[in-house]
Amino acid sequence: MPTIYWREQAIEAPTGQSALDALLNAGVVIPNACRAGACQSCLVRASAGELPPQAQAGLRDDQRARGEALACRLPVSEGLHLEPAGPLSIAGELVLTRRAHPTDSVAVLHLLPPPGLRPLAGQLLHLIREDGLSRPYSVASLPDDTLIELHVRQVPGGRMSTTLCDTAPIGARFGVRGPFGDCTLRDGEQDRPLLLVGVGTGLAPMLGLARDAYARGWRAPVTLIQAGLNEAALYQPEALTALTAAWPGLDWRRVVLQGPAADGVEVGDVVEAAKTSYAAAPSARVYLCGDAAVVNRLRRALFLAGASLSALHADPFTPTA
């Protein structure tokens, strides 16, 4: 079996296993979420060894030059030396300050961050329960906001989501690692259109990106597509109505798979809706977030419609208990 190294620790792993699984099986604590290379939570740096292209897919040029790679997409190979590429230590504690339930299955949380933690809209934070259970959540707020906003879907039987949505009292504290991920706006692109597609609680980072674009004075058109199973799943209408009223440059589309729906809400496939919006602005930078199956369909359809891989940013959610 090949031997890889985490810092100075030698780890034997079967050929074909991912570096992420090898590290976790050896007891290494390393953030991870989607296991598909999208969230970039499991980013590592290789000081020696072979890095195949798929292990660096979606990374920036400077990250590739530093030898950074996605552990979930990096197969083990003899002599591979790895080390952290980002913060593995707990960055402090978040304090649950407010919790609202816009639907029966979604909670919008506002948490007070520790000093110095200022995540960008669209990045991921790993929240850690006192028993060590950890889950990633996308940021809907801006770095200068006093509180960090997260949206959590309550998964039936979900240990962390039940805690966050239901049982944790106001004032509860959670450890936090991060921020992670590159699903953020690029500097100097205010004249480039944006297409933001949020499915379910995938709205959180898309709302954050829309807020960020507004704060930056975005000049190009911005389209935000909010998608859900039915109209009852389309939460946060007050926040989005206020944003569109303040910002005529934002086109907010609501798409549901199942009707009936009120005026202004489209019934149909979000993939087709995204394709029509992309066709109207083919130079757009595209951000996708939500259920993994839907996000993967969106990514494939928009790539086939002409979007380059460098212009496609996807954050698929994989349900975990």
Protein backbone atom coordinates (compact mmCIF):
# COMPACT_ATOMS: atom_id res chain seq x y z
CA MET A 1 0.00 0.00 0.00
CA PRO A 2 1.23 3.53 -0.70
CA THR A 3 2.47 5.60 2.22
CA ILE A 4 1.51 9.25 2.42
CA TYR A 5 2.51 11.79 5.03
CA TRP A 6 0.47 14.31 6.98
CA ARG A 7 3.05 16.68 8.35
CA GLU A 8 5.39 14.11 9.97
CA GLN A 9 2.77 11.36 10.37
CA ALA A 10 3.13 8.38 8.01
CA ILE A 11 -0.18 6.91 6.83
CA GLU A 12 -0.64 3.74 4.80
CA ALA A 13 -3.68 3.71 2.53
CA PRO A 14 -4.97 1.42 -0.23
CA THR A 15 -4.36 2.42 -3.83
CA GLY A 16 -7.30 4.37 -5.23
CA GLN A 17 -8.43 5.80 -1.90
CA SER A 18 -8.76 9.56 -1.65
CA ALA A 19 -6.32 11.44 0.51
CA LEU A 20 -9.30 12.77 2.46
CA ASP A 21 -10.50 9.29 3.41
CA ALA A 22 -6.96 8.21 4.23
CA LEU A 23 -6.49 11.18 6.54
CA LEU A 24 -9.85 10.75 8.25
CA ASN A 25 -9.27 7.02 8.74
CA ALA A 26 -5.95 7.84 10.39
CA GLY A 27 -7.66 10.15 12.86
CA VAL A 28 -6.57 13.42 11.26
CA VAL A 29 -9.09 16.20 11.91
CA ILE A 30 -9.65 17.93 8.57
CA PRO A 31 -12.68 19.97 7.49
CA ASN A 32 -14.80 18.40 4.78
CA ALA A 33 -18.32 18.71 3.47
CA CYS A 34 -19.40 17.93 -0.09
CA ARG A 35 -16.65 15.38 -0.93
CA ALA A 36 -17.05 16.44 -4.56
CA GLY A 37 -14.50 19.24 -4.82
CA ALA A 38 -17.03 22.06 -4.81
CA CYS A 39 -16.94 23.47 -1.28
CA GLN A 40 -13.12 23.46 -1.05
CA SER A 41 -13.34 22.76 2.68
CA CYS A 42 -10.75 19.95 2.46
CA LEU A 43 -8.05 22.06 0.83
CA VAL A 44 -4.52 20.83 1.58
CA ARG A 45 -1.04 21.71 0.36
CA ALA A 46 1.35 19.15 -1.11
CA SER A 47 5.04 19.76 -0.42
CA ALA A 48 5.98 16.62 -2.35
CA GLY A 49 4.22 14.11 -4.57
CA GLU A 50 2.06 14.01 -7.67
CA LEU A 51 -1.01 16.22 -8.05
CA PRO A 52 -3.29 15.07 -10.90
CA PRO A 53 -5.39 17.74 -12.64
CA GLN A 54 -8.68 16.69 -11.02
CA ALA A 55 -7.21 17.40 -7.58
CA GLN A 56 -6.74 21.06 -8.50
CA ALA A 57 -9.83 21.58 -10.65
CA GLY A 58 -11.58 24.85 -9.81
CA LEU A 59 -8.65 26.33 -7.89
CA ARG A 60 -7.12 29.69 -8.71
CA ASP A 61 -3.77 29.90 -10.47
CA ASP A 62 -2.03 31.08 -7.30
CA GLN A 63 -3.45 28.14 -5.34
CA ARG A 64 -2.23 25.67 -7.93
CA ALA A 65 1.18 27.31 -7.93
CA ARG A 66 1.40 26.84 -4.15
CA GLY A 67 0.68 23.13 -4.53
CA GLU A 68 -2.79 23.30 -3.03
CA ALA A 69 -5.23 20.50 -3.81
CA LEU A 70 -8.63 19.13 -2.85
CA ALA A 71 -8.08 16.13 -0.60
CA CYS A 72 -11.39 14.56 -1.63
CA ARG A 73 -10.25 14.43 -5.27
CA LEU A 74 -6.61 13.57 -4.63
CA PRO A 75 -5.79 9.84 -4.90
CA VAL A 76 -3.13 8.54 -2.55
CA SER A 77 0.26 7.91 -4.11
CA GLU A 78 3.62 6.89 -2.72
CA GLY A 79 5.58 9.76 -1.24
CA LEU A 80 2.72 12.27 -1.12
CA HIS A 81 3.47 14.83 1.63
CA LEU A 82 0.52 16.94 2.77
CA GLU A 83 -0.04 19.76 5.22
CA PRO A 84 -2.88 22.20 5.98
CA ALA A 85 -3.58 24.85 3.37
CA GLY A 86 -5.88 26.82 5.65
CA PRO A 87 -7.03 27.12 9.24
CA LEU A 88 -7.67 23.78 10.97
CA SER A 89 -7.78 25.16 14.48
CA ILE A 90 -11.01 26.45 15.95
CA ALA A 91 -11.24 30.19 15.23
CA GLY A 92 -13.32 30.89 18.32
CA GLU A 93 -16.99 30.66 19.21
CA LEU A 94 -20.17 31.90 17.57
CA VAL A 95 -22.99 32.93 19.90
CA LEU A 96 -26.56 32.26 18.75
CA THR A 97 -28.27 35.64 19.01
CA ARG A 98 -31.45 35.37 16.93
CA ARG A 99 -33.38 32.57 15.26
CA ALA A 100 -36.36 32.91 12.93
CA HIS A 101 -38.40 30.22 11.18
CA PRO A 102 -39.61 31.58 7.82
CA THR A 103 -40.87 28.06 6.97
CA ASP A 104 -41.43 24.87 8.94
CA SER A 105 -38.16 23.41 7.66
CA VAL A 106 -35.85 26.45 7.48
CA ALA A 107 -34.25 28.52 10.22
CA VAL A 108 -32.45 31.81 9.66
CA LEU A 109 -29.78 32.24 12.32
CA HIS A 110 -27.87 35.34 13.38
CA LEU A 111 -24.72 34.66 15.37
CA LEU A 112 -22.22 36.94 17.07
CA PRO A 113 -18.72 36.13 15.77
CA PRO A 114 -15.47 36.17 17.72
CA PRO A 115 -13.14 39.14 17.15
CA GLY A 116 -11.41 39.01 13.79
CA LEU A 117 -13.79 36.58 12.09
CA ARG A 118 -15.15 38.43 9.04
CA PRO A 119 -16.19 35.88 6.40
CA LEU A 120 -17.04 36.99 2.89
CA ALA A 121 -20.56 36.49 1.55
CA GLY A 122 -20.71 33.05 -0.05
CA GLN A 123 -17.95 31.47 2.02
CA LEU A 124 -18.42 28.45 4.29
CA LEU A 125 -18.12 28.23 8.06
CA HIS A 126 -17.92 24.92 9.89
CA LEU A 127 -20.00 25.07 13.07
CA ILE A 128 -18.91 22.69 15.82
CA ARG A 129 -21.17 21.38 18.56
CA GLU A 130 -19.70 20.80 22.02
CA ASP A 131 -19.53 17.05 21.33
CA GLY A 132 -17.37 17.72 18.25
CA LEU A 133 -20.06 17.26 15.61
CA SER A 134 -19.33 19.67 12.73
CA ARG A 135 -21.31 20.83 9.70
CA PRO A 136 -20.64 23.51 7.04
CA TYR A 137 -22.99 26.43 6.38
CA SER A 138 -22.86 29.21 3.78
CA VAL A 139 -22.67 32.86 4.76
CA ALA A 140 -25.49 35.22 3.75
CA SER A 141 -24.11 38.32 5.50
CA LEU A 142 -21.34 40.79 4.70
CA PRO A 143 -17.94 41.08 6.43
CA ASP A 144 -18.83 44.40 8.07
CA ASP A 145 -22.15 43.15 9.48
CA THR A 146 -22.27 42.87 13.26
CA LEU A 147 -23.84 39.40 13.11
CA ILE A 148 -23.21 36.47 10.77
CA GLU A 149 -26.32 35.19 8.99
CA LEU A 150 -26.72 31.49 8.19
CA HIS A 151 -29.70 29.58 6.77
CA VAL A 152 -30.25 26.02 7.99
CA ARG A 153 -32.62 23.43 6.57
CA GLN A 154 -33.91 21.08 9.24
CA VAL A 155 -33.13 17.57 8.03
CA PRO A 156 -35.42 14.88 9.52
CA GLY A 157 -33.29 13.14 12.11
CA GLY A 158 -30.42 15.54 11.48
CA ARG A 159 -28.31 15.93 14.59
CA MET A 160 -26.79 19.32 13.88
CA SER A 161 -29.77 20.82 12.08
CA THR A 162 -32.10 19.85 14.93
CA THR A 163 -29.76 21.53 17.38
CA LEU A 164 -29.50 24.72 15.36
CA CYS A 165 -33.13 24.92 14.28
CA ASP A 166 -34.81 23.75 17.47
CA THR A 167 -33.05 22.72 20.67
CA ALA A 168 -30.16 25.19 21.06
CA PRO A 169 -31.23 28.11 23.27
CA ILE A 170 -30.49 31.71 22.42
CA GLY A 171 -27.03 32.35 23.81
CA ALA A 172 -25.75 28.89 22.88
CA ARG A 173 -22.14 28.78 21.74
CA PHE A 174 -20.67 26.87 18.83
CA GLY A 175 -17.06 26.44 17.82
CA VAL A 176 -16.23 27.65 14.34
CA ARG A 177 -13.60 26.81 11.73
CA GLY A 178 -13.04 28.79 8.59
CA PRO A 179 -13.93 30.62 6.52
CA PHE A 180 -13.46 28.31 3.55
CA GLY A 181 -14.35 28.37 -0.12
CA ASP A 182 -14.01 30.58 -3.14
CA CYS A 183 -17.69 31.11 -4.04
CA THR A 184 -17.26 34.87 -3.68
CA LEU A 185 -17.40 37.96 -5.87
CA ARG A 186 -14.24 38.95 -7.73
CA ASP A 187 -12.71 42.38 -7.29
CA GLY A 188 -12.85 44.72 -10.26
CA GLU A 189 -15.73 42.97 -12.06
CA GLN A 190 -18.53 45.46 -11.42
CA ASP A 191 -19.16 45.70 -15.17
CA ARG A 192 -19.62 41.95 -15.59
CA PRO A 193 -23.15 40.49 -15.30
CA LEU A 194 -23.90 38.01 -12.52
CA LEU A 195 -26.24 35.02 -12.54
CA LEU A 196 -26.99 33.74 -9.03
CA VAL A 197 -29.08 30.58 -8.62
CA GLY A 198 -30.10 29.39 -5.15
CA VAL A 199 -32.13 26.21 -4.67
CA GLY A 200 -33.75 25.84 -1.24
CA THR A 201 -31.36 27.10 1.45
CA GLY A 202 -28.86 27.55 -1.36
CA LEU A 203 -30.44 31.00 -1.30
CA ALA A 204 -28.17 31.93 1.63
CA PRO A 205 -24.89 32.48 -0.26
CA MET A 206 -26.74 33.87 -3.29
CA LEU A 207 -28.50 36.45 -1.11
CA GLY A 208 -25.13 37.24 0.41
CA LEU A 209 -23.56 37.72 -3.03
CA ALA A 210 -26.45 39.96 -4.12
CA ARG A 211 -26.03 42.06 -0.97
CA ASP A 212 -22.30 42.24 -1.63
CA ALA A 213 -22.82 43.31 -5.25
CA TYR A 214 -25.22 46.05 -4.14
CA ALA A 215 -22.74 47.27 -1.52
CA ARG A 216 -20.00 47.40 -4.16
CA GLY A 217 -22.15 49.46 -6.53
CA TRP A 218 -22.38 46.75 -9.20
CA ARG A 219 -23.04 48.36 -12.56
CA ALA A 220 -23.80 45.30 -14.71
CA PRO A 221 -27.15 43.47 -14.52
CA VAL A 222 -27.52 40.91 -11.73
CA THR A 223 -30.09 38.10 -11.85
CA LEU A 224 -30.95 36.12 -8.73
CA ILE A 225 -33.05 33.00 -9.31
CA GLN A 226 -34.63 31.59 -6.16
CA ALA A 227 -35.93 28.05 -6.67
CA GLY A 228 -37.95 25.64 -4.57
CA LEU A 229 -40.32 22.73 -4.76
CA ASN A 230 -43.38 24.95 -4.32
CA GLU A 231 -44.24 28.51 -3.39
CA ALA A 232 -44.22 27.71 0.33
CA ALA A 233 -40.51 26.89 0.03
CA LEU A 234 -39.61 30.39 -1.19
CA TYR A 235 -38.59 32.05 2.06
CA GLN A 236 -37.11 35.50 2.86
CA PRO A 237 -39.45 37.47 0.54
CA GLU A 238 -39.18 40.56 2.74
CA ALA A 239 -35.38 40.74 2.45
CA LEU A 240 -35.45 40.23 -1.30
CA THR A 241 -38.32 42.64 -1.86
CA ALA A 242 -36.44 45.33 0.06
CA LEU A 243 -33.25 44.66 -1.90
CA THR A 244 -34.98 44.84 -5.29
CA ALA A 245 -36.78 48.04 -4.26
CA ALA A 246 -33.47 49.66 -3.35
CA TRP A 247 -31.62 48.29 -6.36
CA PRO A 248 -33.31 48.41 -9.78
CA GLY A 249 -30.34 46.56 -11.28
CA LEU A 250 -31.35 43.32 -9.54
CA ASP A 251 -33.71 40.95 -11.36
CA TRP A 252 -35.22 38.56 -8.80
CA ARG A 253 -36.84 35.51 -10.39
CA ARG A 254 -38.80 32.96 -8.35
CA VAL A 255 -39.18 29.48 -9.83
CA VAL A 256 -41.07 26.51 -8.38
CA LEU A 257 -41.35 22.98 -9.68
CA GLN A 258 -44.95 22.52 -8.53
CA GLY A 259 -47.88 24.93 -8.77
CA PRO A 260 -50.15 26.61 -8.06
CA ALA A 261 -48.21 29.84 -7.69
CA ALA A 262 -49.00 33.51 -7.29
CA ASP A 263 -48.40 36.11 -9.97
CA GLY A 264 -44.70 36.68 -10.44
CA VAL A 265 -43.74 33.13 -9.50
CA GLU A 266 -42.78 30.89 -12.42
CA VAL A 267 -43.75 27.21 -12.50
CA GLY A 268 -41.18 25.06 -14.25
CA ASP A 269 -37.66 23.68 -14.21
CA VAL A 270 -35.02 25.92 -12.65
CA VAL A 271 -32.50 24.61 -15.17
CA GLU A 272 -34.54 26.01 -18.05
CA ALA A 273 -35.01 29.29 -16.19
CA ALA A 274 -31.26 29.58 -15.64
CA LYS A 275 -30.56 28.86 -19.31
CA THR A 276 -32.84 31.71 -20.42
CA SER A 277 -31.19 34.13 -18.00
CA TYR A 278 -27.73 33.03 -19.13
CA ALA A 279 -28.69 33.42 -22.79
CA ALA A 280 -29.58 37.05 -22.07
CA ALA A 281 -26.15 37.68 -20.49
CA PRO A 282 -23.65 35.13 -21.86
CA SER A 283 -20.67 36.94 -20.36
CA ALA A 284 -22.05 36.47 -16.83
CA ARG A 285 -20.13 34.94 -13.97
CA VAL A 286 -22.38 32.19 -12.62
CA TYR A 287 -22.87 31.05 -9.02
CA LEU A 288 -24.95 27.97 -8.16
CA CYS A 289 -25.91 26.63 -4.75
CA GLY A 290 -28.33 24.09 -3.30
CA ASP A 291 -29.27 20.44 -3.64
CA ALA A 292 -26.35 18.57 -5.21
CA ALA A 293 -28.39 16.83 -7.90
CA VAL A 294 -29.98 20.07 -9.08
CA VAL A 295 -26.73 22.04 -8.90
CA ASN A 296 -24.94 19.40 -10.97
CA ARG A 297 -27.70 19.58 -13.59
CA LEU A 298 -27.42 23.36 -13.63
CA ARG A 299 -23.66 23.28 -13.98
CA ARG A 300 -23.78 20.82 -16.87
CA ALA A 301 -26.57 22.69 -18.69
CA LEU A 302 -24.89 26.08 -18.39
CA PHE A 303 -21.53 24.66 -19.45
CA LEU A 304 -23.18 23.21 -22.55
CA ALA A 305 -24.85 26.59 -23.09
CA GLY A 306 -21.43 28.21 -23.33
CA ALA A 307 -20.35 29.11 -19.80
CA SER A 308 -16.65 28.43 -19.25
CA LEU A 309 -15.56 26.35 -16.27
CA SER A 310 -13.67 29.35 -14.92
CA ALA A 311 -16.93 31.34 -14.88
CA LEU A 312 -18.96 28.62 -13.13
CA HIS A 313 -18.89 28.47 -9.33
CA ALA A 314 -20.93 25.72 -7.68
CA ASP A 315 -21.61 24.87 -4.04
CA PRO A 316 -23.69 21.66 -3.97
CA PHE A 317 -25.28 20.66 -0.67
CA THR A 318 -24.98 17.01 0.34
CA PRO A 319 -27.43 16.15 3.17
CA THR A 320 -25.81 14.69 6.29
CA ALA A 321 -27.25 13.63 9.60
